[in-house]
């Protein structure tokens, strides 16, 4: 708990002189300021301020360190630090109404608390100090905004990374399964090669029969699992009647390959006593064809994602380049596929021969990411996302529309303000659209929104040539 102490005012004044905003003030002004302060010391772990409280004091840290964060919010929220020699808390002209963080001492800390009820007197007596404190307030706003924006970028990167990890995991897991299945296939082929007794004179006839059977095969289509089991049992019975060893192992492979009874009969007529190992070899080769196709699809998916990541970040390119807007949107959709694939239908209305724009491609991709992510959230993962592009005089228009819940009319004018969000607690920082707005303004563009329940349209206009 805090303990109110008494230190000689002259000594406290000397300590204040070590802080920049107080360093050259007259001694009598410093003594007046100290006389209006409470002097407090707190131990490590003690609370200086609680979120939800009304801010009533300006804090001057003489010694120690305080760390503050929103303990009722997300665990990964930003942490603010106050060290010795810093002035914080309620500063003159601050609009702070509620303390949004809880501050705890990290080490034994010693500070002065100046109550807001003395501000008016300070305005008249110490105008130079007030001017400096206002400068501190402006610096604090910039620093907090920068930290929140960095946190927003990291949170967005975290979401993208998680989604990409999930999308990469599926094809990579399929590739691992295929590799394991190939090992099993190779083991079966070696076993079949050791077991067959077919002679060289019958190889050509068997090869011709295999090729004809392979070309006639169609993918197996069982109406349900019972139909599959029935077919496997029928093949197993056929294998048993031809004295094939371990028919229960071979039957599932032949059923999956969709060999018919006439196919089996023809095979047996050529292979004779080696029908078991030869059928094993044939079914295994067919399975290896299927596995090779799966590996090709998996590796292509991984390659496409890696290409999309490179294009999304404009890796190895300068800060400003010719940007293909539609390609950037497609790349963003690929990156965000994890969030759209379950219930969102994407409709594209892309203009033919859309001109490229001179801008930062990676920053424009941040714009599309934020707008598409917000649209997906507004539709709760289920709805229609429409993206339209067009040329309007010297601008490229990009319109991103959704059929979600819409933005209430009374807050539409505030959605681009920093820290304003319509999302629930812990679901948004209110910086996504602020980032979008700043990026668009930096390239000399415009952004607007029209929204009613069931239809929200964000329109982004980007100059084709950079604004000088």
Protein backbone atom coordinates (compact mmCIF):
# COMPACT_ATOMS: atom_id res chain seq x y z
CA UNK A 1 0.00 0.00 0.00
CA UNK A 2 1.07 3.59 -0.57
CA UNK A 3 2.59 5.43 2.35
CA UNK A 4 2.45 9.23 2.61
CA UNK A 5 5.89 10.55 3.60
CA UNK A 6 7.42 13.95 4.37
CA UNK A 7 10.70 15.01 2.78
CA UNK A 8 12.11 18.54 3.09
CA UNK A 9 10.65 20.64 0.23
CA UNK A 10 14.11 21.91 -0.74
CA UNK A 11 15.30 18.34 -1.23
CA UNK A 12 12.29 17.49 -3.38
CA UNK A 13 12.86 20.66 -5.42
CA UNK A 14 16.43 19.54 -6.12
CA UNK A 15 15.14 16.17 -7.28
CA UNK A 16 12.68 17.92 -9.59
CA UNK A 17 15.55 19.87 -11.18
CA UNK A 18 16.83 16.55 -12.57
CA UNK A 19 13.67 16.32 -14.69
CA UNK A 20 13.80 18.28 -17.96
CA UNK A 21 10.49 20.15 -17.67
CA UNK A 22 11.39 21.44 -14.17
CA UNK A 23 15.16 21.90 -14.59
CA UNK A 24 15.33 25.70 -15.04
CA UNK A 25 12.27 26.85 -13.10
CA UNK A 26 12.83 29.40 -10.31
CA UNK A 27 13.29 27.92 -6.86
CA UNK A 28 10.16 29.59 -5.51
CA UNK A 29 8.06 28.02 -8.32
CA UNK A 30 9.49 24.60 -7.58
CA UNK A 31 8.75 25.02 -3.89
CA UNK A 32 5.19 26.11 -4.70
CA UNK A 33 4.75 23.05 -6.93
CA UNK A 34 6.12 20.68 -4.29
CA UNK A 35 3.84 22.20 -1.65
CA UNK A 36 0.81 21.11 -3.73
CA UNK A 37 2.04 17.52 -4.19
CA UNK A 38 1.62 14.33 -2.27
CA UNK A 39 4.82 12.34 -1.86
CA UNK A 40 4.42 8.57 -2.04
CA UNK A 41 6.53 5.41 -2.04
CA UNK A 42 5.33 1.99 -3.13
CA UNK A 43 6.89 -1.47 -3.01
CA UNK A 44 7.29 -3.87 -5.96
CA UNK A 45 3.90 -5.26 -6.97
CA UNK A 46 1.93 -2.41 -5.40
CA UNK A 47 -0.64 -0.65 -7.57
CA UNK A 48 -0.23 3.00 -8.48
CA UNK A 49 -3.42 3.23 -10.61
CA UNK A 50 -6.34 0.94 -11.45
CA UNK A 51 -8.18 0.72 -14.76
CA UNK A 52 -11.65 2.10 -14.46
CA UNK A 53 -10.67 4.79 -11.94
CA UNK A 54 -11.14 8.49 -12.59
CA UNK A 55 -7.76 10.13 -13.39
CA UNK A 56 -7.06 12.74 -10.69
CA UNK A 57 -3.28 13.12 -10.44
CA UNK A 58 -0.31 14.13 -12.52
CA UNK A 59 2.53 11.76 -11.61
CA UNK A 60 6.19 12.81 -11.37
CA UNK A 61 8.49 9.77 -11.06
CA UNK A 62 11.47 10.51 -8.83
CA UNK A 63 12.79 6.95 -8.54
CA UNK A 64 11.74 3.48 -9.65
CA UNK A 65 9.70 2.00 -12.49
CA UNK A 66 6.00 1.47 -13.10
CA UNK A 67 4.55 -0.87 -15.75
CA UNK A 68 0.95 -0.49 -16.84
CA UNK A 69 -1.32 -2.62 -19.02
CA UNK A 70 -5.01 -3.35 -19.41
CA UNK A 71 -5.34 -6.36 -17.13
CA UNK A 72 -9.00 -6.85 -18.05
CA UNK A 73 -8.24 -6.95 -21.77
CA UNK A 74 -6.31 -9.39 -23.97
CA UNK A 75 -3.23 -10.94 -22.39
CA UNK A 76 -1.06 -9.76 -25.28
CA UNK A 77 -2.09 -6.10 -24.99
CA UNK A 78 0.55 -3.36 -25.03
CA UNK A 79 2.57 -2.57 -21.91
CA UNK A 80 3.40 1.04 -20.99
CA UNK A 81 6.41 1.82 -18.81
CA UNK A 82 7.04 4.87 -16.59
CA UNK A 83 10.62 5.34 -15.38
CA UNK A 84 12.31 7.76 -13.02
CA UNK A 85 12.47 11.29 -14.41
CA UNK A 86 9.21 10.95 -16.38
CA UNK A 87 5.96 12.86 -15.96
CA UNK A 88 2.70 11.05 -16.70
CA UNK A 89 -0.81 10.51 -15.43
CA UNK A 90 -3.30 13.36 -15.93
CA UNK A 91 -1.59 16.15 -17.88
CA UNK A 92 -3.02 19.63 -18.57
CA UNK A 93 -5.72 19.68 -21.28
CA UNK A 94 -5.83 15.90 -21.43
CA UNK A 95 -9.25 14.50 -22.39
CA UNK A 96 -8.70 11.32 -20.42
CA UNK A 97 -11.90 10.41 -18.57
CA UNK A 98 -11.17 6.90 -17.32
CA UNK A 99 -7.88 5.19 -16.51
CA UNK A 100 -7.58 2.39 -19.07
CA UNK A 101 -4.61 0.52 -17.54
CA UNK A 102 -3.44 -0.79 -14.19
CA UNK A 103 0.01 0.38 -13.15
CA UNK A 104 2.18 -1.68 -10.81
CA UNK A 105 5.60 -0.96 -9.35
CA UNK A 106 8.41 -3.16 -10.70
CA UNK A 107 10.97 -1.95 -8.16
CA UNK A 108 10.64 0.25 -5.05
CA UNK A 109 9.30 3.52 -6.45
CA UNK A 110 9.14 7.10 -5.20
CA UNK A 111 6.91 9.69 -6.89
CA UNK A 112 4.97 12.92 -6.45
CA UNK A 113 1.23 13.20 -7.18
CA UNK A 114 -0.12 16.61 -8.23
CA UNK A 115 -3.92 16.78 -7.99
CA UNK A 116 -5.90 18.18 -10.93
CA UNK A 117 -7.67 20.63 -8.61
CA UNK A 118 -4.41 22.67 -8.62
CA UNK A 119 -4.22 22.88 -12.42
CA UNK A 120 -5.99 26.23 -12.73
CA UNK A 121 -3.65 27.85 -10.24
CA UNK A 122 -0.68 26.29 -12.06
CA UNK A 123 -1.91 27.75 -15.37
CA UNK A 124 -1.60 31.26 -13.93
CA UNK A 125 1.53 30.81 -11.83
CA UNK A 126 3.65 28.51 -14.07
CA UNK A 127 2.66 29.09 -17.73
CA UNK A 128 6.06 27.90 -19.01
CA UNK A 129 5.69 24.60 -17.15
CA UNK A 130 2.18 24.22 -18.57
CA UNK A 131 3.52 24.74 -22.10
CA UNK A 132 6.12 22.04 -21.56
CA UNK A 133 3.58 19.66 -20.07
CA UNK A 134 1.32 20.16 -23.10
CA UNK A 135 4.31 19.19 -25.25
CA UNK A 136 4.68 16.03 -23.16
CA UNK A 137 0.99 15.29 -23.71
CA UNK A 138 1.44 15.58 -27.48
CA UNK A 139 4.47 13.28 -27.33
CA UNK A 140 2.53 10.78 -25.26
CA UNK A 141 -0.35 10.71 -27.74
CA UNK A 142 2.10 10.07 -30.59
CA UNK A 143 3.92 7.34 -28.67
CA UNK A 144 0.72 5.59 -27.59
CA UNK A 145 -0.66 5.77 -31.11
CA UNK A 146 2.58 4.40 -32.54
CA UNK A 147 2.65 1.56 -30.01
CA UNK A 148 -0.99 0.70 -30.62
CA UNK A 149 -0.42 0.76 -34.37
CA UNK A 150 2.56 -1.55 -33.98
CA UNK A 151 0.45 -3.84 -31.84
CA UNK A 152 -2.27 -3.79 -34.49
CA UNK A 153 0.25 -4.69 -37.19
CA UNK A 154 1.64 -7.52 -35.07
CA UNK A 155 -1.87 -8.79 -34.32
CA UNK A 156 -2.73 -8.70 -38.03
CA UNK A 157 0.54 -10.46 -38.85
CA UNK A 158 -0.23 -13.06 -36.19
CA UNK A 159 -3.64 -13.77 -37.69
CA UNK A 160 -2.19 -14.03 -41.19
CA UNK A 161 0.61 -16.28 -39.94
CA UNK A 162 -1.83 -18.57 -38.14
CA UNK A 163 -4.01 -18.82 -41.23
CA UNK A 164 -1.03 -19.48 -43.51
CA UNK A 165 0.35 -22.07 -41.09
CA UNK A 166 -3.00 -23.86 -41.24
CA UNK A 167 -3.13 -23.67 -45.04
CA UNK A 168 0.47 -24.89 -45.36
CA UNK A 169 -0.10 -27.65 -42.84
CA UNK A 170 -2.81 -29.34 -44.91
CA UNK A 171 -0.76 -29.93 -48.10
CA UNK A 172 2.41 -30.65 -46.14
CA UNK A 173 0.58 -33.26 -44.04
CA UNK A 174 -0.84 -34.74 -47.27
CA UNK A 175 2.69 -34.90 -48.70
CA UNK A 176 3.95 -36.70 -45.59
CA UNK A 177 1.09 -39.20 -45.81
CA UNK A 178 1.82 -39.76 -49.48
CA UNK A 179 5.50 -40.35 -48.76
CA UNK A 180 4.61 -42.94 -46.13
CA UNK A 181 2.17 -44.59 -48.54
CA UNK A 182 4.89 -44.73 -51.21
CA UNK A 183 7.17 -46.61 -48.83
CA UNK A 184 4.39 -49.12 -48.25
CA UNK A 185 3.88 -49.44 -52.01
CA UNK A 186 7.57 -50.10 -52.58
CA UNK A 187 7.54 -52.79 -49.89
CA UNK A 188 4.55 -54.47 -51.59
CA UNK A 189 6.26 -54.31 -54.98
CA UNK A 190 9.40 -55.99 -53.61
CA UNK A 191 7.29 -58.71 -52.00
CA UNK A 192 5.35 -59.28 -55.23
CA UNK A 193 8.57 -59.48 -57.25
CA UNK A 194 9.86 -62.21 -54.94
CA UNK A 195 6.60 -64.19 -55.12
CA UNK A 196 5.79 -64.19 -58.84
CA UNK A 197 6.64 -67.16 -61.08
CA UNK A 198 5.47 -65.72 -64.38
CA UNK A 199 7.92 -66.36 -67.19
CA UNK A 200 9.48 -63.91 -69.63
CA UNK A 201 7.36 -65.28 -72.49
CA UNK A 202 4.13 -64.16 -70.72
CA UNK A 203 5.38 -60.70 -69.71
CA UNK A 204 4.46 -59.01 -73.00
CA UNK A 205 0.96 -60.52 -72.98
CA UNK A 206 0.43 -59.49 -69.35
CA UNK A 207 1.75 -55.97 -70.04
CA UNK A 208 -0.70 -55.56 -72.91
CA UNK A 209 -3.60 -56.79 -70.76
CA UNK A 210 -2.59 -54.44 -67.92
CA UNK A 211 -2.49 -51.42 -70.24
CA UNK A 212 -5.90 -52.19 -71.70
CA UNK A 213 -7.40 -52.72 -68.26
CA UNK A 214 -5.77 -49.51 -66.96
CA UNK A 215 -7.21 -47.45 -69.81
CA UNK A 216 -10.69 -48.86 -69.21
CA UNK A 217 -10.71 -48.14 -65.48
CA UNK A 218 -12.84 -45.34 -64.04
CA UNK A 219 -12.61 -43.82 -60.54
CA UNK A 220 -14.47 -45.86 -57.94
CA UNK A 221 -17.75 -44.26 -56.88
CA UNK A 222 -19.42 -46.05 -54.01
CA UNK A 223 -22.75 -44.63 -52.87
CA UNK A 224 -21.78 -45.30 -49.26
CA UNK A 225 -19.31 -47.21 -47.10
CA UNK A 226 -21.52 -50.32 -47.13
CA UNK A 227 -21.20 -50.51 -50.91
CA UNK A 228 -17.42 -50.31 -50.61
CA UNK A 229 -17.33 -53.10 -48.04
CA UNK A 230 -19.61 -55.29 -50.20
CA UNK A 231 -17.27 -54.85 -53.18
CA UNK A 232 -14.20 -55.66 -51.08
CA UNK A 233 -15.86 -58.83 -49.78
CA UNK A 234 -16.80 -59.90 -53.31
CA UNK A 235 -13.21 -59.41 -54.50
CA UNK A 236 -11.88 -61.23 -51.45
CA UNK A 237 -14.12 -64.20 -52.26
CA UNK A 238 -12.83 -64.18 -55.84
CA UNK A 239 -9.22 -64.09 -54.63
CA UNK A 240 -9.82 -66.95 -52.24
CA UNK A 241 -11.28 -69.02 -55.07
CA UNK A 242 -8.03 -68.49 -56.98
CA UNK A 243 -5.87 -69.47 -53.99
CA UNK A 244 -4.40 -65.99 -53.55
CA UNK A 245 -2.48 -65.62 -50.26
CA UNK A 246 -3.77 -63.07 -47.74
CA UNK A 247 -6.73 -61.98 -49.88
CA UNK A 248 -8.04 -59.64 -47.16
CA UNK A 249 -4.96 -57.44 -47.67
CA UNK A 250 -5.23 -57.25 -51.45
CA UNK A 251 -9.02 -56.84 -51.78
CA UNK A 252 -9.19 -53.18 -50.56
CA UNK A 253 -6.54 -52.09 -53.09
CA UNK A 254 -8.37 -53.77 -55.98
CA UNK A 255 -11.68 -52.27 -54.87
CA UNK A 256 -10.11 -48.80 -54.69
CA UNK A 257 -8.67 -49.32 -58.20
CA UNK A 258 -12.23 -50.26 -59.31
CA UNK A 259 -11.28 -53.52 -61.03
CA UNK A 260 -14.39 -55.31 -62.35
CA UNK A 261 -15.01 -59.05 -62.41
CA UNK A 262 -14.16 -59.23 -66.17
CA UNK A 263 -10.90 -57.37 -65.45
CA UNK A 264 -10.01 -59.89 -62.75
CA UNK A 265 -10.90 -62.82 -65.00
CA UNK A 266 -8.72 -61.53 -67.83
CA UNK A 267 -5.84 -60.94 -65.46
CA UNK A 268 -6.11 -64.45 -64.07
CA UNK A 269 -6.16 -65.95 -67.56
CA UNK A 270 -2.77 -64.41 -68.34
CA UNK A 271 -1.05 -64.54 -64.93
CA UNK A 272 -2.10 -68.07 -64.02
CA UNK A 273 -0.68 -69.25 -60.70
CA UNK A 274 0.99 -65.84 -60.17
CA UNK A 275 -2.32 -63.98 -60.22
CA UNK A 276 -1.88 -62.96 -56.54
CA UNK A 277 1.53 -61.21 -56.74
CA UNK A 278 0.79 -59.83 -60.22
CA UNK A 279 -2.51 -58.32 -59.08
CA UNK A 280 -0.67 -56.89 -56.06
CA UNK A 281 1.92 -55.34 -58.35
CA UNK A 282 -0.74 -53.95 -60.73
CA UNK A 283 -2.92 -52.48 -57.95
CA UNK A 284 0.16 -51.00 -56.28
CA UNK A 285 1.26 -49.28 -59.48
CA UNK A 286 -2.22 -47.82 -59.87
CA UNK A 287 -2.07 -46.56 -56.29
CA UNK A 288 1.34 -45.01 -56.92
CA UNK A 289 -0.17 -43.08 -59.84
CA UNK A 290 -2.80 -41.68 -57.49
CA UNK A 291 -0.17 -40.87 -54.83
CA UNK A 292 1.98 -39.07 -57.40
CA UNK A 293 -1.01 -36.92 -58.32
CA UNK A 294 -1.63 -36.10 -54.65
CA UNK A 295 2.03 -35.15 -54.20
CA UNK A 296 1.85 -32.92 -57.26
CA UNK A 297 -1.28 -31.18 -55.95
CA UNK A 298 0.19 -30.75 -52.45
CA UNK A 299 3.50 -29.35 -53.67
CA UNK A 300 1.65 -27.03 -56.10
CA UNK A 301 -0.49 -25.71 -53.21
CA UNK A 302 2.61 -25.07 -51.08
CA UNK A 303 4.34 -23.39 -54.02
CA UNK A 304 1.29 -21.19 -54.69
CA UNK A 305 1.16 -20.08 -51.06
CA UNK A 306 4.87 -19.25 -50.97
CA UNK A 307 4.49 -17.30 -54.21
CA UNK A 308 1.51 -15.46 -52.72
CA UNK A 309 3.50 -14.55 -49.60
CA UNK A 310 6.32 -13.17 -51.72
CA UNK A 311 3.92 -11.17 -53.89
CA UNK A 312 1.93 -9.96 -50.86
CA UNK A 313 5.02 -8.51 -49.18
CA UNK A 314 6.62 -7.29 -52.45
CA UNK A 315 9.80 -8.99 -51.32
CA UNK A 316 13.04 -7.81 -53.02
CA UNK A 317 11.30 -4.75 -54.49
CA UNK A 318 11.63 -1.04 -53.84
CA UNK A 319 9.27 0.96 -51.58
CA UNK A 320 7.33 2.28 -54.59
CA UNK A 321 6.63 0.36 -57.78
CA UNK A 322 4.08 -0.18 -60.53
CA UNK A 323 1.30 -2.06 -58.79
CA UNK A 324 -1.20 -4.35 -60.47
CA UNK A 325 -4.22 -3.73 -58.24
CA UNK A 326 -6.16 -6.83 -59.28
CA UNK A 327 -3.17 -9.10 -58.83
CA UNK A 328 -2.63 -7.65 -55.35
CA UNK A 329 -6.28 -8.35 -54.49
CA UNK A 330 -5.97 -11.93 -55.76
CA UNK A 331 -2.81 -12.43 -53.72
CA UNK A 332 -4.58 -11.09 -50.63
CA UNK A 333 -7.51 -13.45 -51.22
CA UNK A 334 -5.05 -16.35 -51.43
CA UNK A 335 -3.38 -15.28 -48.18
CA UNK A 336 -6.81 -14.95 -46.49
CA UNK A 337 -8.29 -18.14 -47.93
CA UNK A 338 -8.39 -19.69 -44.46
CA UNK A 339 -10.90 -17.05 -43.34
CA UNK A 340 -13.08 -17.11 -46.45
CA UNK A 341 -13.23 -20.76 -47.45
CA UNK A 342 -15.88 -22.03 -45.05
CA UNK A 343 -18.91 -19.94 -45.90
CA UNK A 344 -18.03 -16.82 -47.88
CA UNK A 345 -18.58 -16.60 -51.63
CA UNK A 346 -16.24 -14.19 -53.40
CA UNK A 347 -17.53 -12.49 -56.56
CA UNK A 348 -15.14 -10.53 -58.76
CA UNK A 349 -16.11 -7.78 -61.19
CA UNK A 350 -12.72 -6.73 -62.53
CA UNK A 351 -12.44 -4.09 -65.23
CA UNK A 352 -10.55 -5.09 -68.40
CA UNK A 353 -7.21 -3.38 -69.00
CA UNK A 354 -7.13 -1.72 -65.59
CA UNK A 355 -4.05 0.55 -65.45
CA UNK A 356 -1.31 -0.02 -62.91
CA UNK A 357 -0.68 2.57 -60.20
CA UNK A 358 2.55 3.91 -58.71
CA UNK A 359 2.44 3.08 -55.01
CA UNK A 360 3.76 0.78 -52.29
CA UNK A 361 2.30 -2.61 -53.19
CA UNK A 362 2.76 -4.08 -49.71
CA UNK A 363 0.90 -1.14 -48.13
CA UNK A 364 -2.00 -1.45 -50.60
CA UNK A 365 -2.18 -5.14 -49.71
CA UNK A 366 -2.58 -4.06 -46.08
CA UNK A 367 -5.58 -2.01 -47.21
CA UNK A 368 -7.21 -4.97 -48.97
CA UNK A 369 -6.42 -7.23 -46.01
CA UNK A 370 -8.08 -4.93 -43.46
CA UNK A 371 -11.17 -4.31 -45.60
CA UNK A 372 -11.65 -7.99 -46.49
CA UNK A 373 -11.02 -9.06 -42.89
CA UNK A 374 -13.60 -6.55 -41.61
CA UNK A 375 -16.09 -7.72 -44.23
CA UNK A 376 -15.60 -11.36 -43.20
CA UNK A 377 -16.15 -10.41 -39.54
CA UNK A 378 -19.28 -8.40 -40.42
CA UNK A 379 -20.71 -11.47 -42.19
CA UNK A 380 -19.70 -13.71 -39.30
CA UNK A 381 -17.90 -15.97 -41.77
CA UNK A 382 -20.96 -16.62 -43.94
CA UNK A 383 -22.13 -14.42 -46.83
CA UNK A 384 -21.21 -12.79 -50.12
CA UNK A 385 -18.08 -10.70 -50.66
CA UNK A 386 -18.07 -8.65 -53.87
CA UNK A 387 -14.95 -6.94 -55.21
CA UNK A 388 -15.21 -4.53 -58.12
CA UNK A 389 -12.55 -2.53 -59.93
CA UNK A 390 -12.94 0.26 -62.48
CA UNK A 391 -11.14 3.27 -63.88
CA UNK A 392 -12.54 6.68 -62.95
CA UNK A 393 -10.69 9.42 -64.84
CA UNK A 394 -7.22 9.59 -63.22
CA UNK A 395 -8.09 7.11 -60.46
CA UNK A 396 -8.48 3.37 -60.04
CA UNK A 397 -11.60 2.50 -58.06
CA UNK A 398 -11.69 -0.57 -55.82
CA UNK A 399 -15.02 -1.37 -54.19
CA UNK A 400 -15.27 -4.05 -51.51
CA UNK A 401 -18.85 -4.90 -50.51
CA UNK A 402 -20.40 -7.39 -48.12
CA UNK A 403 -23.91 -8.38 -47.08
CA UNK A 404 -23.16 -8.39 -43.37
CA UNK A 405 -24.77 -6.58 -40.46
CA UNK A 406 -23.73 -3.12 -41.62
CA UNK A 407 -22.29 -0.14 -39.74
CA UNK A 408 -24.73 1.91 -37.62
CA UNK A 409 -25.42 5.30 -39.22
CA UNK A 410 -24.55 7.22 -36.04
CA UNK A 411 -20.95 5.90 -35.98
CA UNK A 412 -20.09 5.86 -39.70
CA UNK A 413 -18.38 9.25 -39.45
CA UNK A 414 -16.04 7.90 -36.74
CA UNK A 415 -14.91 4.56 -38.15
CA UNK A 416 -11.62 5.99 -39.47
CA UNK A 417 -10.76 7.57 -36.10
CA UNK A 418 -7.85 5.97 -34.21
CA UNK A 419 -8.93 3.47 -31.53
CA UNK A 420 -12.61 3.56 -32.54
CA UNK A 421 -14.08 0.10 -33.11
CA UNK A 422 -17.52 -1.43 -33.38
CA UNK A 423 -16.16 -4.87 -32.44
CA UNK A 424 -16.52 -6.40 -29.01
CA UNK A 425 -13.93 -6.12 -26.24
CA UNK A 426 -10.73 -7.94 -27.17
CA UNK A 427 -11.76 -8.35 -30.82
CA UNK A 428 -10.44 -5.13 -32.28
CA UNK A 429 -8.10 -2.26 -31.44
CA UNK A 430 -9.79 0.32 -33.64
CA UNK A 431 -6.65 0.88 -35.68
CA UNK A 432 -7.32 -1.23 -38.79
CA UNK A 433 -9.32 1.42 -40.64
CA UNK A 434 -7.07 4.16 -39.28
CA UNK A 435 -4.13 2.37 -40.94
CA UNK A 436 -6.17 2.03 -44.15
CA UNK A 437 -7.07 5.72 -44.10
CA UNK A 438 -3.46 6.83 -43.59
CA UNK A 439 -2.14 4.58 -46.37
CA UNK A 440 -4.74 5.85 -48.84
CA UNK A 441 -4.10 9.49 -47.90
CA UNK A 442 -0.33 8.99 -48.27
CA UNK A 443 -0.78 8.03 -51.94
CA UNK A 444 -3.19 10.93 -52.53
CA UNK A 445 -6.24 8.68 -52.66
CA UNK A 446 -9.68 8.71 -51.11
CA UNK A 447 -11.76 6.22 -49.14
CA UNK A 448 -15.46 6.32 -48.37
CA UNK A 449 -18.13 4.00 -47.03
CA UNK A 450 -21.84 3.50 -47.56
CA UNK A 451 -23.59 1.11 -45.23
CA UNK A 452 -27.06 -0.11 -44.40
CA UNK A 453 -28.01 -3.41 -42.77
CA UNK A 454 -27.28 -6.12 -45.32
CA UNK A 455 -24.98 -4.02 -47.53
CA UNK A 456 -21.72 -2.24 -46.77
CA UNK A 457 -19.54 -0.79 -49.54
CA UNK A 458 -16.06 0.60 -49.05
CA UNK A 459 -14.81 2.54 -52.07
CA UNK A 460 -11.09 3.21 -52.43
CA UNK A 461 -9.81 5.56 -55.15
CA UNK A 462 -6.10 5.51 -55.92
CA UNK A 463 -4.42 7.95 -58.30
CA UNK A 464 -2.85 6.24 -61.31
CA UNK A 465 0.11 8.63 -61.16
CA UNK A 466 1.64 9.60 -57.80
CA UNK A 467 0.51 12.93 -56.41
CA UNK A 468 3.35 15.47 -56.33
